[in-house]
Structure formats: structure tokens, C-alpha cells
Amino acid sequence: MMSEEDKNLVTLEGYDASFRFPERVSVKTALKYWSIVTAAMNTEYRLLRQWEACVQCGFLQDWDCERFPDPEIPLEKVPEDDEMYVSQVIMVVAARCQNFMMNTRSVEKN
């Protein structure tokens, strides 16, 4: 049986990375996330904005990734040797966060 803490743990197989989703998502956080994501949906900045939404909304709790240790680092500062790895991690995380938000059935009041 999965513990309450483990249900929010996301392990990115093949990337040696993990993080936890928050236990609850407030109305304000949900609206902030969807505002950022939907505003960029049909633009060339969609993935960048999805990533920013993940970071800004606190969805990357207990972030653990040796090759990308700080998800808040400006992407221009990612070492050249890690750029493709980091871009792949970002795409996977952005997709997981969007899936998490789409499957969140109950949004608690502030």
C-alpha cells in the first residue's frame, strides 16, 4: 500500500530526478497555473511558460536532480553540456504537472 507521502512523489526514470507535488492546491495556485499555461498555449513559448508555471506554483517540492540541481536557475545559465538533458527534463516535468492539474478533482478553498 502506498503511503500518503509517496502518492505525491514523482520519479523521472532515466533522468535520476524526482520531486513531490504539493498535498493540496489552493484556488489561487490553480488559477495562477492555468493562467500562465493557457496564455501561452498556442505560442512558441508554451513549454517555457509551462515550466515557469511549475516552478512558480510550487509544484516541484523536494526537487532532487544531480545534473539540474536548481530548477529556479535561469535557463541561460545551464551548462552547455547539460542543455539537451535539461530541456528533456523540463518537457517531462511540464507534462507531468499538466497531467497532475488536469486530474486534480478537488481544489481546496484558500
C-alpha atoms as a PDB file:
ATOM      1  CA  MET A   1       0.000   0.000   0.000  1.00  0.00           C
ATOM      2  CA  MET A   2       1.322   3.437  -0.952  1.00  0.00           C
ATOM      3  CA  SER A   3       1.825   5.876   1.905  1.00  0.00           C
ATOM      4  CA  GLU A   4       0.172   9.291   1.798  1.00  0.00           C
ATOM      5  CA  GLU A   5       3.608  10.892   1.278  1.00  0.00           C
ATOM      6  CA  ASP A   6       4.513   8.576  -1.624  1.00  0.00           C
ATOM      7  CA  LYS A   7       1.366   9.311  -3.633  1.00  0.00           C
ATOM      8  CA  ASN A   8       2.739  12.760  -4.497  1.00  0.00           C
ATOM      9  CA  LEU A   9       6.260  11.544  -5.306  1.00  0.00           C
ATOM     10  CA  VAL A  10       7.247  11.712  -8.963  1.00  0.00           C
ATOM     11  CA  THR A  11      10.335   9.811 -10.051  1.00  0.00           C
ATOM     12  CA  LEU A  12      11.628  10.545 -13.524  1.00  0.00           C
ATOM     13  CA  GLU A  13      13.037   7.228 -14.682  1.00  0.00           C
ATOM     14  CA  GLY A  14      16.087   7.634 -16.877  1.00  0.00           C
ATOM     15  CA  TYR A  15      16.791  11.140 -15.591  1.00  0.00           C
ATOM     16  CA  ASP A  16      17.762  10.399 -11.977  1.00  0.00           C
ATOM     17  CA  ALA A  17      15.368  13.095 -10.861  1.00  0.00           C
ATOM     18  CA  SER A  18      12.431  13.295  -8.506  1.00  0.00           C
ATOM     19  CA  PHE A  19      10.097  15.767  -6.857  1.00  0.00           C
ATOM     20  CA  ARG A  20       6.835  15.888  -4.966  1.00  0.00           C
ATOM     21  CA  PHE A  21       3.594  17.582  -5.823  1.00  0.00           C
ATOM     22  CA  PRO A  22       2.044  19.602  -3.002  1.00  0.00           C
ATOM     23  CA  GLU A  23      -0.583  17.868  -0.883  1.00  0.00           C
ATOM     24  CA  ARG A  24      -3.155  20.480  -1.794  1.00  0.00           C
ATOM     25  CA  VAL A  25      -3.565  23.068  -4.489  1.00  0.00           C
ATOM     26  CA  SER A  26      -5.337  26.260  -3.496  1.00  0.00           C
ATOM     27  CA  VAL A  27      -7.777  28.083  -5.736  1.00  0.00           C
ATOM     28  CA  LYS A  28      -5.262  30.893  -6.191  1.00  0.00           C
ATOM     29  CA  THR A  29      -2.478  28.474  -7.168  1.00  0.00           C
ATOM     30  CA  ALA A  30      -4.722  26.605  -9.616  1.00  0.00           C
ATOM     31  CA  LEU A  31      -5.807  29.835 -11.279  1.00  0.00           C
ATOM     32  CA  LYS A  32      -2.242  31.096 -11.443  1.00  0.00           C
ATOM     33  CA  TYR A  33      -1.059  27.849 -13.043  1.00  0.00           C
ATOM     34  CA  TRP A  34      -3.843  27.742 -15.636  1.00  0.00           C
ATOM     35  CA  SER A  35      -3.474  31.446 -16.385  1.00  0.00           C
ATOM     36  CA  ILE A  36       0.209  31.032 -17.195  1.00  0.00           C
ATOM     37  CA  VAL A  37      -0.308  27.845 -19.203  1.00  0.00           C
ATOM     38  CA  THR A  38      -3.354  28.871 -21.208  1.00  0.00           C
ATOM     39  CA  ALA A  39      -1.955  32.306 -22.060  1.00  0.00           C
ATOM     40  CA  ALA A  40       0.973  30.591 -23.765  1.00  0.00           C
ATOM     41  CA  MET A  41      -0.880  27.608 -25.243  1.00  0.00           C
ATOM     42  CA  ASN A  42      -0.557  28.494 -28.925  1.00  0.00           C
ATOM     43  CA  THR A  43       2.709  30.385 -28.754  1.00  0.00           C
ATOM     44  CA  GLU A  44       6.312  29.467 -29.322  1.00  0.00           C
ATOM     45  CA  TYR A  45       6.888  29.946 -25.592  1.00  0.00           C
ATOM     46  CA  ARG A  46       4.420  27.270 -24.464  1.00  0.00           C
ATOM     47  CA  LEU A  47       6.941  24.874 -22.918  1.00  0.00           C
ATOM     48  CA  LEU A  48       8.888  27.675 -21.269  1.00  0.00           C
ATOM     49  CA  ARG A  49       5.704  29.068 -19.723  1.00  0.00           C
ATOM     50  CA  GLN A  50       4.579  25.615 -18.594  1.00  0.00           C
ATOM     51  CA  TRP A  51       7.937  25.186 -16.865  1.00  0.00           C
ATOM     52  CA  GLU A  52       7.645  28.613 -15.264  1.00  0.00           C
ATOM     53  CA  ALA A  53       4.164  27.704 -14.036  1.00  0.00           C
ATOM     54  CA  CYS A  54       5.501  24.503 -12.440  1.00  0.00           C
ATOM     55  CA  VAL A  55       8.230  26.427 -10.626  1.00  0.00           C
ATOM     56  CA  GLN A  56       6.183  29.494  -9.674  1.00  0.00           C
ATOM     57  CA  CYS A  57       3.253  27.444  -8.364  1.00  0.00           C
ATOM     58  CA  GLY A  58       5.419  25.347  -6.052  1.00  0.00           C
ATOM     59  CA  PHE A  59       4.845  22.030  -7.817  1.00  0.00           C
ATOM     60  CA  LEU A  60       8.478  20.903  -7.570  1.00  0.00           C
ATOM     61  CA  GLN A  61       8.771  20.254  -3.849  1.00  0.00           C
ATOM     62  CA  ASP A  62      11.810  18.284  -2.657  1.00  0.00           C
ATOM     63  CA  TRP A  63      13.401  18.619  -6.110  1.00  0.00           C
ATOM     64  CA  ASP A  64      16.299  16.181  -6.487  1.00  0.00           C
ATOM     65  CA  CYS A  65      18.317  16.118  -9.696  1.00  0.00           C
ATOM     66  CA  GLU A  66      22.106  15.966  -9.680  1.00  0.00           C
ATOM     67  CA  ARG A  67      22.577  17.334 -13.218  1.00  0.00           C
ATOM     68  CA  PHE A  68      19.947  20.056 -12.753  1.00  0.00           C
ATOM     69  CA  PRO A  69      20.041  20.768  -9.024  1.00  0.00           C
ATOM     70  CA  ASP A  70      18.205  24.104  -9.012  1.00  0.00           C
ATOM     71  CA  PRO A  71      15.004  24.283 -11.066  1.00  0.00           C
ATOM     72  CA  GLU A  72      14.871  28.043 -10.438  1.00  0.00           C
ATOM     73  CA  ILE A  73      18.175  28.751 -12.189  1.00  0.00           C
ATOM     74  CA  PRO A  74      17.807  30.983 -15.250  1.00  0.00           C
ATOM     75  CA  LEU A  75      17.892  28.605 -18.203  1.00  0.00           C
ATOM     76  CA  GLU A  76      20.581  30.711 -19.862  1.00  0.00           C
ATOM     77  CA  LYS A  77      22.911  29.594 -17.050  1.00  0.00           C
ATOM     78  CA  VAL A  78      22.504  25.851 -17.695  1.00  0.00           C
ATOM     79  CA  PRO A  79      25.941  24.462 -18.644  1.00  0.00           C
ATOM     80  CA  GLU A  80      26.240  23.785 -22.366  1.00  0.00           C
ATOM     81  CA  ASP A  81      26.941  20.082 -21.790  1.00  0.00           C
ATOM     82  CA  ASP A  82      23.627  19.722 -19.930  1.00  0.00           C
ATOM     83  CA  GLU A  83      21.350  21.747 -22.212  1.00  0.00           C
ATOM     84  CA  MET A  84      19.715  18.805 -24.024  1.00  0.00           C
ATOM     85  CA  TYR A  85      19.333  16.837 -20.780  1.00  0.00           C
ATOM     86  CA  VAL A  86      17.736  19.814 -19.012  1.00  0.00           C
ATOM     87  CA  SER A  87      15.397  20.539 -21.924  1.00  0.00           C
ATOM     88  CA  GLN A  88      14.202  16.912 -21.839  1.00  0.00           C
ATOM     89  CA  VAL A  89      13.711  17.010 -18.063  1.00  0.00           C
ATOM     90  CA  ILE A  90      11.730  20.229 -18.403  1.00  0.00           C
ATOM     91  CA  MET A  91       9.451  18.732 -21.070  1.00  0.00           C
ATOM     92  CA  VAL A  92       8.770  15.624 -18.968  1.00  0.00           C
ATOM     93  CA  VAL A  93       8.130  17.642 -15.802  1.00  0.00           C
ATOM     94  CA  ALA A  94       5.855  20.116 -17.606  1.00  0.00           C
ATOM     95  CA  ALA A  95       3.781  17.229 -18.973  1.00  0.00           C
ATOM     96  CA  ARG A  96       3.572  15.577 -15.539  1.00  0.00           C
ATOM     97  CA  CYS A  97       2.483  18.845 -13.921  1.00  0.00           C
ATOM     98  CA  GLN A  98      -0.196  19.442 -16.521  1.00  0.00           C
ATOM     99  CA  ASN A  99      -1.459  15.888 -16.052  1.00  0.00           C
ATOM    100  CA  PHE A 100      -1.465  16.395 -12.275  1.00  0.00           C
ATOM    101  CA  MET A 101      -3.509  19.578 -12.611  1.00  0.00           C
ATOM    102  CA  MET A 102      -5.940  18.042 -15.074  1.00  0.00           C
ATOM    103  CA  ASN A 103      -6.509  15.105 -12.709  1.00  0.00           C
ATOM    104  CA  THR A 104      -6.867  17.211  -9.576  1.00  0.00           C
ATOM    105  CA  ARG A 105     -10.528  16.785  -8.787  1.00  0.00           C
ATOM    106  CA  SER A 106     -10.829  18.834  -5.645  1.00  0.00           C
ATOM    107  CA  VAL A 107      -9.385  22.280  -5.248  1.00  0.00           C
ATOM    108  CA  GLU A 108      -9.447  23.449  -1.656  1.00  0.00           C
ATOM    109  CA  LYS A 109     -10.512  26.927  -0.666  1.00  0.00           C
ATOM    110  CA  ASN A 110      -7.912  29.484   0.489  1.00  0.00           C
END
